[in-house]
N, C-alpha and C. Protein backbone atom coordinates (compact mmCIF):
# COMPACT_ATOMS: atom_id res chain seq x y z
N MET A 1 6.34 62.22 -9.13
CA MET A 1 6.06 62.88 -7.60
C MET A 1 4.66 62.12 -6.99
N ARG A 2 4.72 61.65 -6.04
CA ARG A 2 4.00 61.13 -5.41
C ARG A 2 2.48 61.26 -5.49
N ARG A 3 1.96 60.21 -5.57
CA ARG A 3 0.50 60.66 -5.44
C ARG A 3 -0.38 60.55 -3.62
N PRO A 4 -1.20 61.44 -3.91
CA PRO A 4 -1.33 61.97 -2.28
C PRO A 4 -1.87 60.39 -2.13
N ALA A 5 -2.21 59.67 -0.84
CA ALA A 5 -2.92 59.31 -0.41
C ALA A 5 -4.67 58.85 -0.45
N ARG A 6 -5.07 58.06 -1.04
CA ARG A 6 -6.76 57.92 -1.28
C ARG A 6 -7.19 57.81 0.10
N LYS A 7 -7.69 58.58 0.56
CA LYS A 7 -8.86 58.26 1.38
C LYS A 7 -9.74 57.57 1.84
N PRO A 8 -9.69 56.69 2.36
CA PRO A 8 -10.63 56.04 2.76
C PRO A 8 -12.30 56.03 3.00
N ASP A 9 -13.30 55.41 2.03
CA ASP A 9 -14.63 55.34 2.22
C ASP A 9 -15.08 55.28 3.52
N THR A 10 -15.28 56.50 4.16
CA THR A 10 -16.11 55.91 5.97
C THR A 10 -17.23 55.47 5.61
N THR A 11 -17.93 55.32 4.21
CA THR A 11 -19.02 54.57 4.47
C THR A 11 -19.24 53.55 4.37
N ALA A 12 -18.26 53.26 3.26
CA ALA A 12 -18.07 51.63 2.78
C ALA A 12 -16.85 50.63 4.41
N LEU A 13 -16.67 51.78 4.84
CA LEU A 13 -15.62 51.09 5.95
C LEU A 13 -16.78 50.71 7.31
N ARG A 14 -17.45 51.54 7.10
CA ARG A 14 -18.59 51.60 8.20
C ARG A 14 -19.80 49.95 7.36
N ALA A 15 -20.18 50.41 6.66
CA ALA A 15 -20.69 49.27 6.27
C ALA A 15 -19.85 47.63 5.90
N ALA A 16 -18.66 47.66 6.02
CA ALA A 16 -18.02 46.31 6.16
C ALA A 16 -18.02 45.99 7.91
N VAL A 17 -17.99 46.57 8.41
CA VAL A 17 -17.57 46.40 9.84
C VAL A 17 -19.34 45.93 10.24
N ALA A 18 -20.57 46.45 9.85
CA ALA A 18 -21.80 45.67 10.20
C ALA A 18 -21.82 44.55 9.69
N ASP A 19 -20.87 44.17 8.37
CA ASP A 19 -21.42 43.01 7.58
C ASP A 19 -20.70 42.15 8.49
N LYS A 20 -19.74 42.07 9.54
CA LYS A 20 -18.89 41.47 9.75
C LYS A 20 -19.07 39.52 9.50
N ASP A 21 -20.44 39.25 9.78
CA ASP A 21 -20.21 38.03 10.08
C ASP A 21 -20.53 37.37 8.23
N ALA A 22 -21.40 38.16 7.58
CA ALA A 22 -20.92 38.09 6.20
C ALA A 22 -19.34 38.42 6.31
N ILE A 23 -18.71 38.68 5.90
CA ILE A 23 -17.84 38.29 5.42
C ILE A 23 -16.79 37.40 5.84
N ILE A 24 -16.79 37.12 7.20
CA ILE A 24 -16.33 36.08 7.93
C ILE A 24 -16.85 34.72 6.89
N SER A 25 -18.20 34.31 6.72
CA SER A 25 -18.41 33.53 6.41
C SER A 25 -17.97 33.43 4.62
N ARG A 26 -17.53 34.25 4.09
CA ARG A 26 -17.26 34.15 2.57
C ARG A 26 -15.91 33.50 2.81
N TYR A 27 -15.23 34.18 3.84
CA TYR A 27 -13.86 34.26 3.54
C TYR A 27 -13.45 32.76 4.04
N ARG A 28 -14.05 32.34 5.29
CA ARG A 28 -14.35 30.64 5.64
C ARG A 28 -14.40 30.26 4.90
N ALA A 29 -15.15 30.06 3.16
CA ALA A 29 -15.66 29.41 2.79
C ALA A 29 -15.01 29.58 0.86
N ARG A 30 -13.80 30.04 1.86
CA ARG A 30 -12.55 30.22 0.33
C ARG A 30 -12.96 31.18 -0.31
N GLU A 31 -13.47 32.18 -0.17
CA GLU A 31 -13.62 32.94 -1.43
C GLU A 31 -12.49 34.31 -1.39
N PRO A 32 -11.98 34.79 -2.31
CA PRO A 32 -10.79 35.16 -2.14
C PRO A 32 -11.26 36.76 -1.31
N MET A 33 -10.05 36.37 -0.71
CA MET A 33 -9.69 38.37 0.02
C MET A 33 -10.31 39.23 -0.94
N ARG A 34 -9.20 39.57 -1.90
CA ARG A 34 -9.87 40.26 -3.11
C ARG A 34 -11.04 40.71 -3.75
N ALA A 35 -11.83 39.63 -3.74
CA ALA A 35 -12.89 40.04 -3.93
C ALA A 35 -13.79 40.59 -2.82
N ILE A 36 -13.80 40.15 -1.85
CA ILE A 36 -14.22 40.48 -1.07
C ILE A 36 -14.32 41.96 -0.32
N ALA A 37 -13.35 42.15 -0.70
CA ALA A 37 -12.85 43.64 -0.52
C ALA A 37 -13.46 44.14 -1.58
N ALA A 38 -13.19 44.24 -2.52
CA ALA A 38 -13.72 44.65 -3.79
C ALA A 38 -15.27 45.18 -3.49
N ASP A 39 -16.21 44.16 -3.12
CA ASP A 39 -17.76 44.39 -2.86
C ASP A 39 -17.83 45.51 -1.90
N TYR A 40 -17.12 44.95 -1.07
CA TYR A 40 -16.72 46.02 -0.29
C TYR A 40 -16.47 47.51 0.24
N ARG A 41 -15.83 47.37 -1.40
CA ARG A 41 -14.87 49.13 -1.42
C ARG A 41 -13.64 49.02 -0.84
N VAL A 42 -13.26 48.22 -0.09
CA VAL A 42 -12.40 48.46 0.82
C VAL A 42 -11.11 47.72 0.19
N SER A 43 -9.85 48.48 1.08
CA SER A 43 -8.55 47.47 0.63
C SER A 43 -8.43 46.09 0.89
N GLU A 44 -7.44 45.64 0.25
CA GLU A 44 -7.44 43.79 1.18
C GLU A 44 -6.52 44.22 2.10
N SER A 45 -6.19 45.20 2.55
CA SER A 45 -4.44 45.09 3.56
C SER A 45 -5.75 45.59 4.96
N TRP A 46 -6.90 46.28 5.00
CA TRP A 46 -7.72 47.12 5.48
C TRP A 46 -8.33 45.71 5.66
N LEU A 47 -9.35 44.86 5.16
CA LEU A 47 -9.46 44.00 5.43
C LEU A 47 -8.57 42.11 6.18
N ARG A 48 -7.61 42.25 5.49
CA ARG A 48 -7.45 41.43 6.22
C ARG A 48 -7.16 42.18 8.18
N ASP A 49 -6.92 42.79 7.93
CA ASP A 49 -6.54 43.93 9.12
C ASP A 49 -7.23 43.33 9.90
N ARG A 50 -8.78 44.09 9.21
CA ARG A 50 -10.31 43.22 10.12
C ARG A 50 -10.31 42.28 10.26
N LEU A 51 -10.29 41.31 9.49
CA LEU A 51 -9.97 39.83 10.37
C LEU A 51 -8.61 39.01 11.54
N ASP A 52 -8.29 39.97 11.23
CA ASP A 52 -6.96 39.70 12.10
C ASP A 52 -7.73 40.31 13.78
N ALA A 53 -8.11 41.53 13.66
CA ALA A 53 -8.93 41.88 14.81
C ALA A 53 -10.07 41.21 15.40
N TRP A 54 -10.75 40.24 14.23
CA TRP A 54 -12.30 40.08 14.92
C TRP A 54 -11.70 38.30 14.93
N GLY A 55 -10.44 38.02 15.39
CA GLY A 55 -9.73 36.51 15.76
C GLY A 55 -9.96 35.43 14.29
N VAL A 56 -10.37 35.66 12.99
CA VAL A 56 -10.54 34.79 12.38
C VAL A 56 -8.91 34.33 12.13
N PRO A 57 -8.66 33.20 12.05
CA PRO A 57 -6.99 32.56 11.47
C PRO A 57 -6.99 32.79 10.13
N ARG A 58 -5.78 32.85 9.40
CA ARG A 58 -5.75 32.87 8.75
C ARG A 58 -5.65 31.83 7.65
N ARG A 59 -6.06 31.61 6.61
CA ARG A 59 -6.13 30.51 5.35
C ARG A 59 -4.28 30.37 5.23
N PRO A 60 -4.22 29.23 5.02
CA PRO A 60 -2.69 28.55 4.65
C PRO A 60 -2.29 29.24 3.29
N PRO A 61 -0.95 29.45 3.10
CA PRO A 61 -0.90 30.16 1.54
C PRO A 61 -0.92 28.92 0.77
N HIS A 62 -1.29 27.82 0.36
CA HIS A 62 -1.73 26.78 -0.47
C HIS A 62 -2.77 26.90 -0.72
N GLU A 63 -3.96 27.37 0.29
CA GLU A 63 -5.20 27.16 -0.27
C GLU A 63 -5.38 28.54 -0.76
N ALA A 64 -4.57 29.56 -0.90
CA ALA A 64 -4.90 30.71 -1.69
C ALA A 64 -5.78 31.08 -2.84
N HIS A 65 -4.91 29.27 -4.05
CA HIS A 65 -5.90 29.19 -4.98
C HIS A 65 -6.50 28.37 -5.32
N LEU A 66 -6.96 27.83 -4.38
CA LEU A 66 -7.98 26.55 -4.02
C LEU A 66 -9.58 26.70 -4.86
N HIS A 67 -9.91 27.97 -4.82
CA HIS A 67 -11.07 28.70 -5.48
C HIS A 67 -11.18 28.51 -7.02
N ARG A 68 -9.95 28.92 -7.36
CA ARG A 68 -9.43 28.79 -8.86
C ARG A 68 -10.06 27.35 -9.66
N ARG A 69 -9.42 26.32 -9.44
CA ARG A 69 -9.14 25.16 -9.86
C ARG A 69 -9.93 23.68 -8.94
N PRO A 70 -10.44 22.83 -9.03
CA PRO A 70 -10.55 21.60 -8.38
C PRO A 70 -9.24 21.09 -7.41
N VAL A 71 -8.99 20.44 -6.38
CA VAL A 71 -8.28 20.18 -6.10
C VAL A 71 -6.82 19.16 -6.62
N GLY A 72 -8.24 18.44 -7.14
CA GLY A 72 -7.27 17.56 -7.82
C GLY A 72 -6.58 18.51 -8.85
N HIS A 73 -6.82 19.13 -9.96
CA HIS A 73 -6.03 19.60 -10.81
C HIS A 73 -4.63 20.30 -10.25
N VAL A 74 -5.02 21.19 -9.32
CA VAL A 74 -3.67 21.94 -8.58
C VAL A 74 -2.81 20.94 -8.58
N TYR A 75 -3.09 19.93 -7.63
CA TYR A 75 -2.80 18.92 -6.60
C TYR A 75 -2.40 17.91 -7.38
N ARG A 76 -3.10 17.59 -8.54
CA ARG A 76 -2.73 16.55 -9.37
C ARG A 76 -3.18 14.82 -8.64
N GLY A 77 -4.44 15.77 -7.48
CA GLY A 77 -4.81 14.46 -6.97
C GLY A 77 -4.28 14.32 -5.22
N ARG A 78 -3.01 14.44 -5.28
CA ARG A 78 -2.66 15.16 -3.71
C ARG A 78 -3.28 15.72 -3.16
N SER A 79 -3.62 15.30 -1.82
CA SER A 79 -4.44 16.36 -0.71
C SER A 79 -3.86 17.91 -0.44
N ALA A 80 -4.25 18.79 -0.73
CA ALA A 80 -4.41 20.18 -0.19
C ALA A 80 -3.43 20.52 0.75
N ARG A 81 -3.74 19.37 1.56
CA ARG A 81 -3.06 20.29 3.19
C ARG A 81 -1.64 18.69 3.20
N PRO A 82 -0.43 19.59 2.82
CA PRO A 82 0.72 18.61 3.57
C PRO A 82 0.32 17.46 4.47
N ARG A 83 0.95 16.44 4.05
CA ARG A 83 0.85 15.30 5.35
C ARG A 83 2.07 15.38 6.39
N THR A 84 1.60 15.11 7.45
CA THR A 84 2.23 15.21 8.43
C THR A 84 3.72 14.24 8.67
N SER A 85 4.22 14.10 9.53
CA SER A 85 5.64 13.23 9.80
C SER A 85 4.94 11.62 10.13
N GLU A 86 3.87 11.33 10.57
CA GLU A 86 3.49 10.20 11.05
C GLU A 86 2.85 9.81 10.19
N GLU A 87 2.14 10.33 9.18
CA GLU A 87 1.50 10.01 8.28
C GLU A 87 2.14 9.50 6.65
N VAL A 88 3.24 10.14 6.89
CA VAL A 88 4.54 9.56 5.81
C VAL A 88 4.69 8.18 6.47
N ARG A 89 5.28 8.64 7.70
CA ARG A 89 6.10 7.28 8.13
C ARG A 89 4.88 6.13 7.82
N GLU A 90 3.74 6.28 8.03
CA GLU A 90 3.16 5.26 8.44
C GLU A 90 2.59 4.78 7.03
N ALA A 91 2.61 5.35 5.90
CA ALA A 91 2.79 5.17 4.68
C ALA A 91 4.22 4.32 4.13
N LYS A 92 5.32 4.72 4.87
CA LYS A 92 6.85 3.67 4.42
C LYS A 92 6.35 2.54 5.26
N ALA A 93 5.65 2.80 6.50
CA ALA A 93 5.96 1.38 7.30
C ALA A 93 4.87 0.59 6.06
N ARG A 94 3.90 0.79 5.44
CA ARG A 94 2.63 0.23 4.88
C ARG A 94 3.63 -0.38 3.42
N PHE A 95 4.86 0.21 2.74
CA PHE A 95 5.61 0.29 1.92
C PHE A 95 6.58 -1.51 2.50
N ASP A 96 6.99 -1.35 3.89
CA ASP A 96 7.35 -1.91 4.37
C ASP A 96 7.03 -3.70 4.45
N ALA A 97 5.44 -3.08 5.19
CA ALA A 97 4.84 -4.53 5.04
C ALA A 97 4.34 -5.37 3.94
N ARG A 98 4.63 -4.99 2.79
CA ARG A 98 4.48 -5.51 1.97
C ARG A 98 5.75 -5.81 0.95
N ARG A 99 6.69 -5.87 1.33
CA ARG A 99 7.74 -6.30 0.60
C ARG A 99 7.84 -7.00 0.10
N ASP A 100 7.58 -7.95 -0.39
CA ASP A 100 7.15 -9.20 -1.26
C ASP A 100 6.32 -9.20 -2.16
N ALA A 101 4.84 -8.45 -2.23
CA ALA A 101 4.65 -7.67 -3.21
C ALA A 101 4.88 -6.11 -4.03
N VAL A 102 5.92 -6.05 -3.22
CA VAL A 102 6.15 -4.46 -4.11
C VAL A 102 7.76 -5.34 -4.76
N VAL A 103 8.55 -6.23 -4.02
CA VAL A 103 9.26 -6.37 -5.14
C VAL A 103 8.58 -7.17 -5.99
N ARG A 104 7.77 -8.38 -6.22
CA ARG A 104 7.03 -8.77 -7.31
C ARG A 104 6.63 -7.93 -8.55
N ARG A 105 5.78 -6.89 -7.55
CA ARG A 105 5.48 -5.94 -9.00
C ARG A 105 6.95 -5.34 -9.42
N TYR A 106 8.06 -4.88 -8.99
CA TYR A 106 8.25 -3.89 -9.36
C TYR A 106 9.34 -4.96 -10.84
N LEU A 107 9.10 -6.22 -10.48
CA LEU A 107 10.01 -7.52 -11.29
C LEU A 107 9.01 -7.58 -12.27
N ALA A 108 7.40 -7.59 -12.53
CA ALA A 108 6.92 -7.38 -12.62
C ALA A 108 6.65 -6.64 -14.29
N GLY A 109 7.20 -5.66 -13.95
CA GLY A 109 7.82 -4.44 -14.92
C GLY A 109 6.95 -2.71 -14.09
N GLU A 110 6.32 -3.13 -13.62
CA GLU A 110 6.14 -1.61 -12.63
C GLU A 110 7.21 -0.67 -12.45
N SER A 111 6.71 0.30 -12.43
CA SER A 111 8.42 0.99 -12.41
C SER A 111 8.43 1.73 -10.64
N ALA A 112 9.41 2.36 -10.40
CA ALA A 112 9.74 2.85 -9.40
C ALA A 112 8.71 3.74 -8.78
N LEU A 113 8.28 4.83 -9.92
CA LEU A 113 7.15 6.34 -10.02
C LEU A 113 5.90 5.35 -9.80
N ALA A 114 5.77 4.27 -10.28
CA ALA A 114 4.40 3.88 -10.23
C ALA A 114 4.06 3.78 -8.79
N LEU A 115 5.07 2.80 -8.36
CA LEU A 115 5.08 2.08 -6.80
C LEU A 115 4.78 3.17 -6.00
N ALA A 116 5.98 4.13 -6.48
CA ALA A 116 5.94 5.56 -5.10
C ALA A 116 4.14 6.09 -5.23
N ARG A 117 3.78 6.02 -6.07
CA ARG A 117 2.71 7.01 -6.25
C ARG A 117 1.33 5.83 -5.76
N ALA A 118 1.32 4.22 -5.93
CA ALA A 118 0.19 3.88 -4.95
C ALA A 118 0.62 4.25 -3.84
N PHE A 119 1.58 3.93 -3.06
CA PHE A 119 1.94 3.69 -1.75
C PHE A 119 1.95 5.04 -1.46
N ALA A 120 1.94 6.80 -2.28
CA ALA A 120 1.83 8.18 -1.34
C ALA A 120 3.30 7.91 -1.26
N LEU A 121 4.79 7.67 -1.60
CA LEU A 121 5.48 8.22 -1.38
C LEU A 121 6.44 8.42 -2.18
N GLN A 122 7.50 9.22 -1.92
CA GLN A 122 8.78 10.21 -2.93
C GLN A 122 9.10 8.72 -3.76
N PRO A 123 9.48 8.84 -4.72
CA PRO A 123 10.30 8.26 -5.81
C PRO A 123 11.70 7.61 -5.45
N GLY A 124 12.24 8.64 -5.49
CA GLY A 124 13.67 8.62 -4.42
C GLY A 124 13.50 7.03 -3.27
N TRP A 125 12.63 7.86 -2.57
CA TRP A 125 12.72 6.71 -1.32
C TRP A 125 12.51 5.14 -1.92
N VAL A 126 11.12 5.29 -2.92
CA VAL A 126 11.10 3.79 -2.72
C VAL A 126 12.55 3.19 -3.83
N ARG A 127 12.91 4.19 -4.49
CA ARG A 127 14.80 3.63 -5.32
C ARG A 127 15.42 3.15 -4.72
N ASP A 128 15.73 4.00 -3.51
CA ASP A 128 16.55 4.05 -2.77
C ASP A 128 16.52 2.19 -1.60
N ARG A 129 14.91 2.01 -1.18
CA ARG A 129 14.57 0.87 -0.37
C ARG A 129 14.50 -0.17 -1.24
N LEU A 130 14.36 0.14 -2.57
CA LEU A 130 14.32 -1.37 -3.42
C LEU A 130 15.73 -1.54 -3.77
N ASP A 131 16.74 -0.95 -3.00
CA ASP A 131 18.44 -0.98 -3.34
C ASP A 131 18.76 -1.38 -2.10
N ASP A 132 18.19 -1.09 -1.05
CA ASP A 132 18.38 -1.27 0.50
C ASP A 132 18.03 -3.40 0.46
N TRP A 133 16.99 -3.16 -0.07
CA TRP A 133 16.13 -4.81 0.11
C TRP A 133 17.26 -5.47 -1.53
N GLY A 134 17.92 -5.58 -2.05
CA GLY A 134 19.14 -6.02 -3.02
C GLY A 134 17.78 -6.78 -4.61
N VAL A 135 17.30 -5.55 -4.59
CA VAL A 135 16.31 -5.90 -5.68
C VAL A 135 17.46 -4.82 -7.18
N PRO A 136 17.26 -6.22 -7.73
CA PRO A 136 18.29 -5.32 -9.27
C PRO A 136 17.71 -4.25 -9.70
N ARG A 137 18.17 -3.22 -10.38
CA ARG A 137 17.35 -2.01 -11.33
C ARG A 137 17.61 -2.61 -12.62
N ARG A 138 17.04 -2.18 -13.31
CA ARG A 138 16.62 -2.26 -14.66
C ARG A 138 16.79 -0.60 -15.51
N ASP A 139 17.16 -1.56 -16.47
CA ASP A 139 17.72 0.08 -17.49
C ASP A 139 15.95 -0.14 -17.67
N ALA A 140 16.13 1.28 -18.72
CA ALA A 140 14.65 1.70 -19.76
C ALA A 140 14.10 1.01 -20.42
N VAL A 141 14.81 0.00 -21.18
CA VAL A 141 15.05 -0.82 -22.37
C VAL A 141 14.02 -1.80 -21.39
N THR A 142 14.30 -2.83 -20.69
CA THR A 142 14.46 -3.72 -19.74
C THR A 142 12.59 -3.45 -19.37
N ALA A 143 12.72 -2.69 -18.51
CA ALA A 143 11.28 -1.93 -18.02
C ALA A 143 10.43 -2.12 -18.70
N ALA A 144 10.42 -1.74 -20.24
CA ALA A 144 9.36 -1.24 -21.10
C ALA A 144 8.98 -2.39 -21.53
N ALA A 145 10.44 -3.51 -21.14
CA ALA A 145 9.42 -4.93 -22.27
C ALA A 145 8.66 -5.20 -21.27
N LEU A 146 9.62 -5.09 -19.73
CA LEU A 146 8.62 -6.23 -19.01
C LEU A 146 7.00 -5.90 -18.31
N ALA A 147 7.23 -4.28 -18.96
CA ALA A 147 5.98 -4.28 -18.61
C ALA A 147 4.68 -4.10 -19.86
N ARG A 148 5.23 -4.38 -21.22
CA ARG A 148 4.28 -4.71 -22.34
C ARG A 148 4.57 -6.09 -22.27
N TYR A 149 5.88 -6.98 -22.06
CA TYR A 149 4.49 -8.29 -22.43
C TYR A 149 4.89 -9.26 -21.02
N GLY A 150 5.09 -8.20 -20.29
CA GLY A 150 5.18 -9.21 -19.13
C GLY A 150 3.48 -9.93 -18.52
N LYS A 151 2.87 -8.95 -18.63
CA LYS A 151 1.64 -8.82 -18.65
C LYS A 151 0.80 -9.53 -19.26
N ALA A 152 1.11 -9.59 -20.62
CA ALA A 152 0.26 -10.11 -21.21
C ALA A 152 0.53 -11.29 -21.51
N ALA A 153 1.63 -11.95 -21.63
CA ALA A 153 2.30 -12.55 -21.53
C ALA A 153 1.91 -14.25 -21.47
N GLY A 154 0.84 -14.24 -20.43
CA GLY A 154 -0.16 -15.95 -20.07
C GLY A 154 1.33 -16.68 -20.01
N GLY A 155 1.72 -17.31 -19.61
CA GLY A 155 2.94 -18.36 -19.53
C GLY A 155 4.06 -17.90 -19.24
N THR A 156 4.73 -18.80 -19.73
CA THR A 156 6.41 -18.60 -19.98
C THR A 156 7.26 -18.37 -20.80
N GLY A 157 6.09 -18.32 -21.64
CA GLY A 157 7.09 -18.48 -23.30
C GLY A 157 7.40 -16.90 -23.46
N GLY A 158 7.52 -16.87 -24.51
CA GLY A 158 7.83 -15.07 -25.82
C GLY A 158 8.36 -14.74 -25.53
N ARG A 159 8.44 -13.12 -25.58
CA ARG A 159 9.44 -12.34 -25.06
C ARG A 159 9.41 -12.03 -23.35
N ALA A 160 8.16 -12.43 -22.34
CA ALA A 160 8.10 -11.86 -21.25
C ALA A 160 9.44 -12.64 -20.87
N GLY A 161 9.19 -14.31 -21.09
CA GLY A 161 9.87 -15.33 -20.81
C GLY A 161 11.44 -14.87 -20.82
N GLU A 162 11.47 -14.52 -21.88
CA GLU A 162 12.74 -13.91 -22.66
C GLU A 162 13.67 -12.62 -21.78
N VAL A 163 12.68 -12.03 -21.53
CA VAL A 163 13.34 -10.81 -20.65
C VAL A 163 12.82 -11.01 -19.04
N ALA A 164 12.36 -12.17 -18.51
CA ALA A 164 12.57 -11.98 -17.07
C ALA A 164 13.89 -13.31 -16.98
N HIS A 165 14.08 -14.41 -17.89
CA HIS A 165 14.77 -14.77 -17.84
C HIS A 165 16.60 -14.42 -18.41
N GLY A 166 15.91 -12.76 -18.55
CA GLY A 166 17.91 -12.21 -19.00
C GLY A 166 17.95 -11.49 -17.99
N PHE A 167 16.59 -11.58 -17.43
CA PHE A 167 17.02 -10.18 -15.90
C PHE A 167 17.24 -11.18 -14.65
N GLY A 168 17.71 -12.70 -14.71
CA GLY A 168 17.70 -13.47 -13.86
C GLY A 168 16.54 -14.41 -13.04
N LEU A 169 15.14 -14.45 -13.69
CA LEU A 169 14.27 -14.43 -13.20
C LEU A 169 13.24 -15.50 -13.28
N GLU A 170 12.57 -16.48 -12.91
CA GLU A 170 11.61 -17.47 -13.66
C GLU A 170 10.33 -17.06 -13.57
N MET A 171 10.02 -17.47 -14.76
CA MET A 171 8.23 -17.43 -14.78
C MET A 171 7.59 -18.29 -14.27
N ASP A 172 6.48 -17.21 -13.39
CA ASP A 172 5.57 -18.24 -12.59
C ASP A 172 4.97 -18.45 -13.97
N GLN A 173 4.50 -20.44 -13.82
CA GLN A 173 3.49 -20.77 -14.36
C GLN A 173 2.29 -20.66 -14.53
N ASN A 174 1.61 -20.26 -13.69
CA ASN A 174 -0.05 -19.81 -13.70
C ASN A 174 -0.01 -18.33 -14.37
N THR A 175 0.34 -17.70 -13.47
CA THR A 175 0.12 -16.19 -13.73
C THR A 175 0.59 -15.79 -14.80
N GLY A 176 2.03 -15.94 -14.96
CA GLY A 176 2.81 -15.62 -16.31
C GLY A 176 3.76 -14.69 -15.73
N GLN A 177 4.02 -14.05 -14.69
CA GLN A 177 5.09 -12.94 -13.79
C GLN A 177 6.00 -13.68 -13.19
N PRO A 178 6.82 -12.81 -13.55
CA PRO A 178 8.15 -13.12 -12.58
C PRO A 178 7.96 -13.42 -11.23
N ARG A 179 8.89 -15.12 -10.66
CA ARG A 179 8.81 -15.14 -9.56
C ARG A 179 9.72 -14.38 -8.82
N SER A 180 9.38 -13.84 -7.21
CA SER A 180 10.73 -13.63 -6.28
C SER A 180 11.09 -14.05 -6.03
């Protein structure tokens, strides 16, 4: 058996309409619509319809939960706003422009994932670009050895030199990093 529809409280509706500016400013301050509706004792659907009638643009779906945590926690440091294709193209162009440095960093032990994070790119795209450039892939053991011993080696001897030599690289005498 269906329950009869609840009659809206006309006093609450009138109070909400009279407080239009406060409601709009709270909504624009990213306060949840549910909280605003509860404060004025109106339904969310009624409030949503009022905001539409008042010409207030709706928030994007990903902003609905920003009131819960800081943006860095929800999006792990990424922007809450999705990047435009132009921004992605610019990031890819920066990556391509720094090809020598990127290859050097990868050969020194930095992972493709770390490079992707540094340049704000997709890890798969970075791996594909390294393949296009003819940079040899390494297995997890070699990557871990380069990361552990390559950065702290300080010279051409030791484990870093062995790892680099096994990978077909020469170590730089001054920096202790593999040469590209």
